[in-house]
Amino acid sequence: MTRLCSLFIATVAVAITWRVADGARAPACTYEFRYPAALGRQTFLIATATATSVAARSDSTLEFGARSVPAQVMAVDDVAGYQSEPIRGGLRSSGGRAVFVRYEISMSCSPLSARDGGFDSVGVSGLFVGHPRPADRWIDGMPTFDIVRARHYPLPQRSTGPSGHLVIQFVDSTPTMSASELFTMYRALWAESVTAHDASVEPRIRRWLRSNPVAAGKQPAGQVASDMLSAMTDALTAQHTIPFGGTFIVTISAPGIDSIVMYARTTPRTRPWMSDLVRDSLTGVPVALVTRSFAIDLTTAPMLDGFEPASIQINPCPPIAVVVAALPIAPDADSTWTGESYPTSFLYCVPAGSALAALAQPHVQRTFSHEPATMTFRRHPDGRVTFTATAMRGTSPGLVIRGERVSTATYGVSQSQGHVVSRYSAGYDGGLASPERHRDGPGYIPNHDR
């Protein structure tokens, strides 16, 4: 097996293309097309469109308020995934017929039931992915499914179909699986959920690779396998809180030059930083992922209201990564824990034209140590929580960062309501948090054999 330098997807070069499906109007929503994950409460169906339709009501959990919409009756040949056994029983009773309630994409990127039903032409067939309704909500005794982003189904032929919005499409010259190959893959790999150290995932991927060597060389095998491995890492990070996290008032000081005060807020959970991705030697499909370090993101802002989800201000400050080697993060006996970071990253949020902003210039950055600095979080006997970090400039401190916690609110959590109001996503490659990319710096995934 070979560990390759990769960030979860693709062994081939990919390019991002931006595509407007309807050039006559400006797109209202921008999203990335990805094949469905082999995870969660979704069902995979090989189905064919019929000429029959029924009246249905949309699902109020998917859109605001249910409404009456037409729905298409489909002939189902096979089913896998969530609730597949009771659905098979329902299909036997309904003569293989099921109801598809289709949803388009609204201006806010949320599901919106198709007023005209979004019917497929009679005879159109392929792989569909839907959310099954409970049996007591089946229409006319037929298993009933809510099909979200319906214009992208069936797969594979509609994966690049028009959506009326701006779609980020990863262009890959690798051949794509047929509908039957996709279905076989999802049937073999699907799990309702995975755990942090789920021992079933790697054997399940390897069994499918051995049984389907031709399909394993096609897309989206790599993406679907990577999504399963990433879900395991997500489960791990979700288990562990960040000690002494919250919102801090931060003093950034360059001795003898200038200082400034701003705010920083930790995320409620860590994210992967450096990982070893193990690929199958024949197909290149990922089969295992070992995360060797994790990052806590410190999001900075000049004012406290820059963190609030309802704020109309756009926060221009990039997150700053504090890297730890393992989870859980366990404070020492003296109530401290440490990570590694680049204190000069704080300079990217200082006011333009200031003396501190001049230190962010690339030629000045190179005068600071290229090694990450230790950032120490400490709970003091009087209950105060602080963090400190120093970037050396030659043999002297060039930049000193001191933070003191002012609240326990974390990024993505409302300070007033105290609950998660949006899921945080860094949205960038880990190494971009450091001032320069170093071969052995954070975000680097080594290429070596095991």
Protein backbone atom coordinates (compact mmCIF):
# COMPACT_ATOMS: atom_id res chain seq x y z
CA MET A 1 0.00 0.00 0.00
CA THR A 2 1.18 3.50 -0.72
CA ARG A 3 0.57 6.71 1.18
CA LEU A 4 0.19 9.46 -1.35
CA CYS A 5 0.24 13.21 -0.95
CA SER A 6 -3.44 13.96 -1.25
CA LEU A 7 -6.30 15.78 0.44
CA PHE A 8 -8.94 13.05 0.26
CA ILE A 9 -10.03 13.25 -3.40
CA ALA A 10 -8.66 12.44 -6.83
CA THR A 11 -5.53 10.88 -8.14
CA VAL A 12 -5.80 12.88 -11.34
CA ALA A 13 -5.39 16.58 -11.86
CA VAL A 14 -8.68 18.39 -11.44
CA ALA A 15 -9.81 21.81 -12.45
CA ILE A 16 -12.69 23.80 -11.07
CA THR A 17 -15.08 25.02 -13.68
CA TRP A 18 -17.82 27.49 -12.99
CA ARG A 19 -20.94 26.86 -14.96
CA VAL A 20 -24.11 28.89 -15.25
CA ALA A 21 -26.89 26.59 -16.40
CA ASP A 22 -29.22 29.36 -17.44
CA GLY A 23 -27.19 32.21 -18.93
CA ALA A 24 -30.27 34.41 -19.27
CA ARG A 25 -30.46 35.09 -15.56
CA ALA A 26 -27.96 35.56 -12.74
CA PRO A 27 -27.54 32.52 -10.50
CA ALA A 28 -29.17 32.76 -7.07
CA CYS A 29 -27.27 29.99 -5.33
CA THR A 30 -23.73 28.68 -5.59
CA TYR A 31 -22.92 25.14 -4.53
CA GLU A 32 -20.53 22.31 -5.24
CA PHE A 33 -21.79 19.17 -6.93
CA ARG A 34 -20.67 16.00 -5.18
CA TYR A 35 -21.90 12.46 -5.48
CA PRO A 36 -23.96 11.42 -2.44
CA ALA A 37 -22.06 9.94 0.49
CA ALA A 38 -22.60 6.27 1.31
CA LEU A 39 -23.77 7.37 4.73
CA GLY A 40 -26.85 8.56 6.53
CA ARG A 41 -30.58 8.13 6.33
CA GLN A 42 -30.90 8.02 2.58
CA THR A 43 -32.01 5.28 0.21
CA PHE A 44 -30.49 4.35 -3.16
CA LEU A 45 -32.89 3.24 -5.87
CA ILE A 46 -32.66 2.01 -9.43
CA ALA A 47 -35.88 3.37 -10.87
CA THR A 48 -37.68 4.23 -14.13
CA ALA A 49 -40.12 7.09 -14.69
CA THR A 50 -43.73 6.23 -15.51
CA ALA A 51 -46.61 8.31 -16.88
CA THR A 52 -48.57 8.07 -13.62
CA SER A 53 -48.73 10.87 -11.07
CA VAL A 54 -50.40 11.44 -7.70
CA ALA A 55 -51.09 14.39 -5.41
CA ALA A 56 -48.66 14.76 -2.52
CA ARG A 57 -47.69 17.19 0.19
CA SER A 58 -44.13 18.40 0.52
CA ASP A 59 -42.16 17.66 3.68
CA SER A 60 -42.25 20.56 6.12
CA THR A 61 -38.91 19.46 7.60
CA LEU A 62 -37.26 20.21 4.26
CA GLU A 63 -38.97 23.50 3.44
CA PHE A 64 -40.89 26.08 5.42
CA GLY A 65 -44.43 24.78 5.52
CA ALA A 66 -45.87 21.85 3.57
CA ARG A 67 -47.82 22.43 0.39
CA SER A 68 -49.66 20.35 -2.18
CA VAL A 69 -47.55 19.34 -5.19
CA PRO A 70 -47.77 16.73 -7.95
CA ALA A 71 -45.51 13.70 -7.54
CA GLN A 72 -44.39 11.06 -10.04
CA VAL A 73 -44.90 7.34 -9.70
CA MET A 74 -41.69 5.41 -10.43
CA ALA A 75 -41.05 1.75 -11.22
CA VAL A 76 -38.33 0.57 -8.82
CA ASP A 77 -36.04 -2.29 -9.80
CA ASP A 78 -33.80 -2.40 -6.72
CA VAL A 79 -33.23 -0.61 -3.43
CA ALA A 80 -30.37 -0.29 -0.93
CA GLY A 81 -29.40 1.86 2.02
CA TYR A 82 -31.58 3.25 4.79
CA GLN A 83 -34.77 1.31 5.60
CA SER A 84 -34.20 -0.89 2.55
CA GLU A 85 -35.85 -4.00 4.04
CA PRO A 86 -39.21 -2.43 4.97
CA ILE A 87 -39.14 -0.56 1.67
CA ARG A 88 -38.70 -3.83 -0.21
CA GLY A 89 -41.75 -5.17 1.60
CA GLY A 90 -43.70 -2.08 0.58
CA LEU A 91 -42.59 -2.46 -3.02
CA ARG A 92 -43.76 -6.06 -3.10
CA SER A 93 -47.18 -4.88 -1.99
CA SER A 94 -47.27 -1.95 -4.44
CA GLY A 95 -46.15 -3.93 -7.46
CA GLY A 96 -42.75 -2.28 -7.49
CA ARG A 97 -44.21 1.24 -7.61
CA ALA A 98 -42.95 4.16 -5.50
CA VAL A 99 -43.69 7.89 -5.29
CA PHE A 100 -41.01 10.55 -5.79
CA VAL A 101 -41.67 14.03 -4.35
CA ARG A 102 -39.06 16.24 -5.98
CA TYR A 103 -37.34 19.36 -4.67
CA GLU A 104 -35.43 22.01 -6.55
CA ILE A 105 -32.90 24.45 -5.07
CA SER A 106 -34.17 27.75 -3.72
CA MET A 107 -32.44 31.13 -3.84
CA SER A 108 -31.02 30.39 -0.37
CA CYS A 109 -29.74 26.96 -1.52
CA SER A 110 -32.35 25.18 0.62
CA PRO A 111 -34.80 22.59 -0.77
CA LEU A 112 -37.92 23.93 -2.48
CA SER A 113 -40.65 21.56 -3.65
CA ALA A 114 -41.12 21.56 -7.42
CA ARG A 115 -44.49 23.19 -8.15
CA ASP A 116 -44.82 21.22 -11.39
CA GLY A 117 -43.51 18.02 -9.81
CA GLY A 118 -40.23 18.14 -11.76
CA PHE A 119 -41.23 14.97 -13.59
CA ASP A 120 -38.76 12.92 -15.59
CA SER A 121 -39.75 11.85 -19.10
CA VAL A 122 -41.39 8.46 -19.26
CA GLY A 123 -38.74 5.75 -19.55
CA VAL A 124 -35.89 7.78 -18.01
CA SER A 125 -34.03 5.49 -15.62
CA GLY A 126 -30.94 5.41 -13.45
CA LEU A 127 -29.84 5.79 -9.86
CA PHE A 128 -31.89 8.03 -7.57
CA VAL A 129 -31.12 8.94 -3.97
CA GLY A 130 -34.02 9.87 -1.69
CA HIS A 131 -35.11 10.33 1.89
CA PRO A 132 -37.75 7.69 2.68
CA ARG A 133 -40.90 8.71 4.48
CA PRO A 134 -42.30 6.58 7.32
CA ALA A 135 -44.77 3.94 6.17
CA ASP A 136 -47.70 5.83 7.69
CA ARG A 137 -46.94 8.71 5.29
CA TRP A 138 -46.74 6.61 2.13
CA ILE A 139 -49.07 7.77 -0.62
CA ASP A 140 -51.69 5.24 -1.78
CA GLY A 141 -49.67 2.49 -0.08
CA MET A 142 -46.60 3.12 -2.23
CA PRO A 143 -43.18 3.77 -0.61
CA THR A 144 -42.65 7.53 -0.81
CA PHE A 145 -39.37 9.42 -1.11
CA ASP A 146 -38.33 13.06 -0.97
CA ILE A 147 -35.76 13.65 -3.75
CA VAL A 148 -33.62 16.72 -2.97
CA ARG A 149 -31.69 18.48 -5.77
CA ALA A 150 -33.84 16.44 -8.11
CA ARG A 151 -32.45 18.01 -11.29
CA HIS A 152 -29.19 16.15 -10.72
CA TYR A 153 -30.96 12.76 -10.89
CA PRO A 154 -30.86 10.16 -12.17
CA LEU A 155 -27.19 9.40 -11.94
CA PRO A 156 -24.88 9.20 -13.74
CA GLN A 157 -26.38 11.12 -16.68
CA ARG A 158 -27.72 14.09 -14.69
CA SER A 159 -24.62 14.69 -12.55
CA THR A 160 -23.84 17.74 -14.70
CA GLY A 161 -27.41 18.57 -15.58
CA PRO A 162 -28.79 22.13 -15.51
CA SER A 163 -29.83 23.40 -12.09
CA GLY A 164 -30.59 27.07 -12.71
CA HIS A 165 -27.79 27.99 -10.31
CA LEU A 166 -24.02 28.39 -10.29
CA VAL A 167 -22.44 24.97 -9.75
CA ILE A 168 -18.84 24.25 -8.83
CA GLN A 169 -18.04 21.19 -10.90
CA PHE A 170 -14.79 19.25 -10.49
CA VAL A 171 -13.78 18.18 -13.99
CA ASP A 172 -12.22 14.72 -13.99
CA SER A 173 -11.32 12.77 -17.10
CA THR A 174 -11.67 9.47 -15.24
CA PRO A 175 -14.56 7.37 -16.62
CA THR A 176 -17.78 7.44 -14.60
CA MET A 177 -19.58 4.38 -13.26
CA SER A 178 -22.82 3.26 -14.82
CA ALA A 179 -26.01 3.38 -12.77
CA SER A 180 -25.73 -0.31 -11.89
CA GLU A 181 -22.10 0.09 -10.85
CA LEU A 182 -22.99 3.08 -8.68
CA PHE A 183 -25.81 1.14 -7.06
CA THR A 184 -23.55 -1.84 -6.34
CA MET A 185 -20.99 0.46 -4.73
CA TYR A 186 -23.53 2.22 -2.51
CA ARG A 187 -25.11 -1.08 -1.52
CA ALA A 188 -21.72 -2.44 -0.46
CA LEU A 189 -20.41 0.66 1.33
CA TRP A 190 -23.49 2.25 2.88
CA ALA A 191 -23.74 2.71 6.64
CA GLU A 192 -26.24 4.78 8.58
CA SER A 193 -23.33 6.22 10.56
CA VAL A 194 -19.69 5.56 11.42
CA THR A 195 -17.79 5.96 14.67
CA ALA A 196 -14.41 7.51 15.38
CA HIS A 197 -12.50 4.23 15.17
CA ASP A 198 -14.95 2.22 13.08
CA ALA A 199 -13.20 -1.07 12.31
CA SER A 200 -15.76 -2.01 9.65
CA VAL A 201 -15.03 0.76 7.14
CA GLU A 202 -11.66 -0.30 5.71
CA PRO A 203 -12.64 -4.01 5.27
CA ARG A 204 -15.89 -2.94 3.62
CA ILE A 205 -14.05 -0.72 1.11
CA ARG A 206 -11.46 -3.41 0.39
CA ARG A 207 -14.11 -6.09 -0.17
CA TRP A 208 -15.87 -3.88 -2.70
CA LEU A 209 -12.56 -3.13 -4.46
CA ARG A 210 -11.76 -6.83 -4.77
CA SER A 211 -15.22 -7.68 -6.08
CA ASN A 212 -15.49 -4.74 -8.48
CA PRO A 213 -12.02 -3.99 -9.90
CA VAL A 214 -13.35 -2.34 -13.07
CA ALA A 215 -15.79 -0.01 -11.29
CA ALA A 216 -13.14 0.77 -8.65
CA GLY A 217 -11.09 2.50 -11.34
CA LYS A 218 -13.93 4.88 -12.17
CA GLN A 219 -15.35 7.94 -10.45
CA PRO A 220 -16.74 8.58 -7.92
CA ALA A 221 -15.09 5.66 -6.10
CA GLY A 222 -12.37 7.87 -4.62
CA GLN A 223 -14.75 10.57 -3.46
CA VAL A 224 -17.23 8.19 -1.84
CA ALA A 225 -14.50 6.25 -0.03
CA SER A 226 -12.87 9.51 1.12
CA ASP A 227 -16.18 10.77 2.46
CA MET A 228 -16.51 7.67 4.64
CA LEU A 229 -12.99 8.11 6.02
CA SER A 230 -13.58 11.80 6.65
CA ALA A 231 -16.79 10.98 8.51
CA MET A 232 -14.75 8.86 10.92
CA THR A 233 -12.47 11.82 11.60
CA ASP A 234 -15.50 14.07 12.07
CA ALA A 235 -16.85 11.60 14.63
CA LEU A 236 -13.53 11.75 16.47
CA THR A 237 -13.40 15.55 16.61
CA ALA A 238 -17.05 15.70 17.69
CA GLN A 239 -16.24 13.62 20.76
CA HIS A 240 -13.74 16.07 22.23
CA THR A 241 -14.26 19.62 23.42
CA ILE A 242 -11.54 22.26 23.47
CA PRO A 243 -10.43 23.06 27.04
CA PHE A 244 -10.58 26.73 28.01
CA GLY A 245 -12.15 27.72 24.71
CA GLY A 246 -14.26 30.82 24.16
CA THR A 247 -13.92 34.49 23.23
CA PHE A 248 -10.73 36.37 24.13
CA ILE A 249 -9.61 39.97 24.15
CA VAL A 250 -6.17 39.88 22.53
CA THR A 251 -3.25 42.27 22.72
CA ILE A 252 -0.83 42.09 19.79
CA SER A 253 2.45 43.77 20.64
CA ALA A 254 5.63 44.28 18.66
CA PRO A 255 8.13 45.49 21.31
CA GLY A 256 9.38 48.96 20.51
CA ILE A 257 7.07 49.32 17.47
CA ASP A 258 3.34 49.26 18.23
CA SER A 259 0.50 47.32 19.85
CA ILE A 260 -3.21 46.82 19.18
CA VAL A 261 -6.20 45.17 20.83
CA MET A 262 -8.64 42.87 19.00
CA TYR A 263 -10.78 39.82 19.73
CA ALA A 264 -10.37 36.10 19.00
CA ARG A 265 -12.86 33.25 19.31
CA THR A 266 -12.13 29.52 19.24
CA THR A 267 -14.18 27.03 17.28
CA PRO A 268 -16.19 24.51 19.33
CA ARG A 269 -14.25 21.58 17.90
CA THR A 270 -10.98 20.78 16.16
CA ARG A 271 -10.42 19.85 12.52
CA PRO A 272 -7.85 17.55 10.88
CA TRP A 273 -4.46 19.16 10.16
CA MET A 274 -1.90 16.55 9.04
CA SER A 275 -3.10 13.16 7.85
CA ASP A 276 -1.74 9.99 6.30
CA LEU A 277 -4.05 8.82 3.53
CA VAL A 278 -3.57 5.16 2.60
CA ARG A 279 -4.62 4.20 -0.91
CA ASP A 280 -5.19 0.88 -2.59
CA SER A 281 -2.08 0.17 -4.66
CA LEU A 282 -4.02 -0.95 -7.76
CA THR A 283 -6.86 1.55 -7.98
CA GLY A 284 -5.67 4.50 -5.89
CA VAL A 285 -8.94 4.46 -3.96
CA PRO A 286 -8.48 5.61 -0.32
CA VAL A 287 -8.94 2.80 2.19
CA ALA A 288 -7.71 4.32 5.47
CA LEU A 289 -6.95 7.70 6.99
CA VAL A 290 -4.76 8.37 10.02
CA THR A 291 -4.94 11.92 11.33
CA ARG A 292 -1.64 12.82 13.01
CA SER A 293 -2.52 16.30 14.22
CA PHE A 294 -5.53 18.55 14.69
CA ALA A 295 -6.15 22.30 14.55
CA ILE A 296 -8.21 24.62 16.67
CA ASP A 297 -9.14 27.69 14.65
CA LEU A 298 -8.95 31.10 16.28
CA THR A 299 -11.16 33.47 14.33
CA THR A 300 -10.21 37.09 14.90
CA ALA A 301 -12.17 40.32 14.52
CA PRO A 302 -11.56 43.99 15.37
CA MET A 303 -14.87 44.12 17.30
CA LEU A 304 -17.00 41.58 19.16
CA ASP A 305 -19.97 41.99 16.83
CA GLY A 306 -17.81 40.70 13.98
CA PHE A 307 -18.47 37.17 15.31
CA GLU A 308 -22.24 37.33 15.43
CA PRO A 309 -24.08 35.41 12.65
CA ALA A 310 -26.60 38.26 12.33
CA SER A 311 -23.88 40.85 11.83
CA ILE A 312 -23.99 42.61 8.47
CA GLN A 313 -20.24 43.13 8.64
CA ILE A 314 -17.99 40.85 6.64
CA ASN A 315 -15.13 39.58 8.77
CA PRO A 316 -11.99 39.94 6.64
CA CYS A 317 -9.71 38.17 9.11
CA PRO A 318 -8.55 34.63 8.23
CA PRO A 319 -8.69 31.97 10.96
CA ILE A 320 -5.46 31.20 12.82
CA ALA A 321 -4.69 27.53 13.44
CA VAL A 322 -3.44 26.24 16.79
CA VAL A 323 -2.13 22.73 16.13
CA VAL A 324 -2.15 19.86 18.64
CA ALA A 325 -0.72 16.39 18.15
CA ALA A 326 -3.60 14.30 19.42
CA LEU A 327 -7.09 14.22 20.91
CA PRO A 328 -8.32 14.60 23.57
CA ILE A 329 -6.57 17.81 24.62
CA ALA A 330 -5.77 17.18 28.29
CA PRO A 331 -4.66 20.09 30.49
CA ASP A 332 -1.59 19.43 32.66
CA ALA A 333 -1.63 19.40 36.44
CA ASP A 334 -1.08 23.15 36.42
CA SER A 335 -4.20 23.65 34.26
CA THR A 336 -2.36 24.37 31.02
CA TRP A 337 -2.29 22.90 27.54
CA THR A 338 -0.15 23.88 24.59
CA GLY A 339 -0.32 23.87 20.82
CA GLU A 340 1.74 25.26 17.96
CA SER A 341 0.86 28.33 15.92
CA TYR A 342 2.30 31.19 13.88
CA PRO A 343 1.79 34.39 15.91
CA THR A 344 2.52 36.51 12.85
CA SER A 345 -0.83 35.31 11.45
CA PHE A 346 -2.48 37.80 13.83
CA LEU A 347 -0.95 40.59 11.74
CA TYR A 348 -3.33 39.89 8.86
CA CYS A 349 -6.17 41.50 10.80
CA VAL A 350 -4.48 44.71 11.97
CA PRO A 351 -5.53 48.06 10.41
CA ALA A 352 -4.00 48.80 7.04
CA GLY A 353 -1.29 51.43 7.15
CA SER A 354 -0.40 50.81 10.79
CA ALA A 355 3.09 50.03 11.99
CA LEU A 356 1.98 46.47 12.77
CA ALA A 357 0.57 46.05 9.25
CA ALA A 358 4.03 46.79 7.88
CA LEU A 359 5.26 43.68 9.71
CA ALA A 360 2.89 41.55 7.61
CA GLN A 361 4.79 42.35 4.40
CA PRO A 362 6.45 39.21 2.98
CA HIS A 363 9.99 40.56 3.16
CA VAL A 364 9.46 41.46 6.84
CA GLN A 365 7.76 38.14 7.62
CA ARG A 366 10.94 36.37 6.60
CA THR A 367 12.80 38.10 9.45
CA PHE A 368 10.69 36.18 11.99
CA SER A 369 11.37 32.58 12.93
CA HIS A 370 10.02 30.14 10.38
CA GLU A 371 9.25 27.62 13.11
CA PRO A 372 5.83 27.59 14.77
CA ALA A 373 5.68 29.04 18.27
CA THR A 374 4.21 27.41 21.36
CA MET A 375 0.83 28.81 22.32
CA THR A 376 -0.08 28.14 25.95
CA PHE A 377 -3.64 28.17 27.28
CA ARG A 378 -3.91 28.43 31.08
CA ARG A 379 -6.64 28.51 33.69
CA HIS A 380 -5.40 30.56 36.62
CA PRO A 381 -6.28 29.90 40.29
CA ASP A 382 -8.61 32.91 40.25
CA GLY A 383 -10.56 31.41 37.31
CA ARG A 384 -9.13 33.61 34.56
CA VAL A 385 -8.27 31.88 31.27
CA THR A 386 -5.43 33.24 29.15
CA PHE A 387 -3.26 32.31 26.21
CA THR A 388 0.19 33.54 25.21
CA ALA A 389 2.50 33.08 22.24
CA THR A 390 5.71 34.76 21.09
CA ALA A 391 7.26 34.93 17.63
CA MET A 392 11.03 35.35 17.78
CA ARG A 393 12.85 37.78 15.54
CA GLY A 394 16.46 36.74 15.68
CA THR A 395 17.25 36.25 19.37
CA SER A 396 14.59 38.67 20.66
CA PRO A 397 10.79 38.56 20.88
CA GLY A 398 9.47 40.13 17.69
CA LEU A 399 5.75 39.73 18.32
CA VAL A 400 3.98 38.92 21.60
CA ILE A 401 0.35 37.73 21.66
CA ARG A 402 -1.63 37.78 24.92
CA GLY A 403 -5.28 36.82 25.19
CA GLU A 404 -7.70 36.76 28.12
CA ARG A 405 -11.10 35.10 27.96
CA VAL A 406 -14.11 37.38 28.24
CA SER A 407 -16.84 34.81 27.55
CA THR A 408 -17.30 31.10 26.81
CA ALA A 409 -19.00 31.77 23.45
CA THR A 410 -17.28 29.91 20.60
CA TYR A 411 -17.36 30.62 16.87
CA GLY A 412 -20.65 29.48 15.36
CA VAL A 413 -22.33 29.67 18.79
CA SER A 414 -24.57 32.56 19.70
CA GLN A 415 -23.28 34.41 22.72
CA SER A 416 -26.80 35.45 23.73
CA GLN A 417 -28.54 32.12 23.16
CA GLY A 418 -25.67 29.75 23.88
CA HIS A 419 -26.36 27.20 21.18
CA VAL A 420 -24.95 26.31 17.80
CA VAL A 421 -26.54 28.46 15.11
CA SER A 422 -24.34 27.50 12.15
CA ARG A 423 -21.86 24.79 11.34
CA TYR A 424 -18.33 26.13 11.09
CA SER A 425 -16.20 25.14 8.14
CA ALA A 426 -12.70 26.46 7.64
CA GLY A 427 -13.12 26.30 3.88
CA TYR A 428 -9.43 26.36 3.06
CA ASP A 429 -6.42 24.10 3.02
CA GLY A 430 -4.79 23.87 6.43
CA GLY A 431 -1.43 25.22 5.33
CA LEU A 432 -2.87 28.58 4.31
CA ALA A 433 -3.10 29.53 7.97
CA SER A 434 0.68 29.74 8.18
CA PRO A 435 2.55 32.70 6.68
CA GLU A 436 4.56 30.44 4.40
CA ARG A 437 4.16 26.85 3.21
CA HIS A 438 7.05 24.73 4.46
CA ARG A 439 7.75 21.18 3.44
CA ASP A 440 7.39 19.96 7.00
CA GLY A 441 4.93 22.61 8.14
CA PRO A 442 1.25 22.23 9.02
CA GLY A 443 -0.94 21.12 6.15
CA TYR A 444 1.79 18.99 4.58
CA ILE A 445 0.90 15.34 3.92
CA PRO A 446 4.00 13.21 3.37
CA ASN A 447 4.48 10.84 0.48
CA HIS A 448 6.10 7.61 1.58
CA ASP A 449 5.52 3.86 1.59
CA ARG A 450 4.24 1.82 4.45
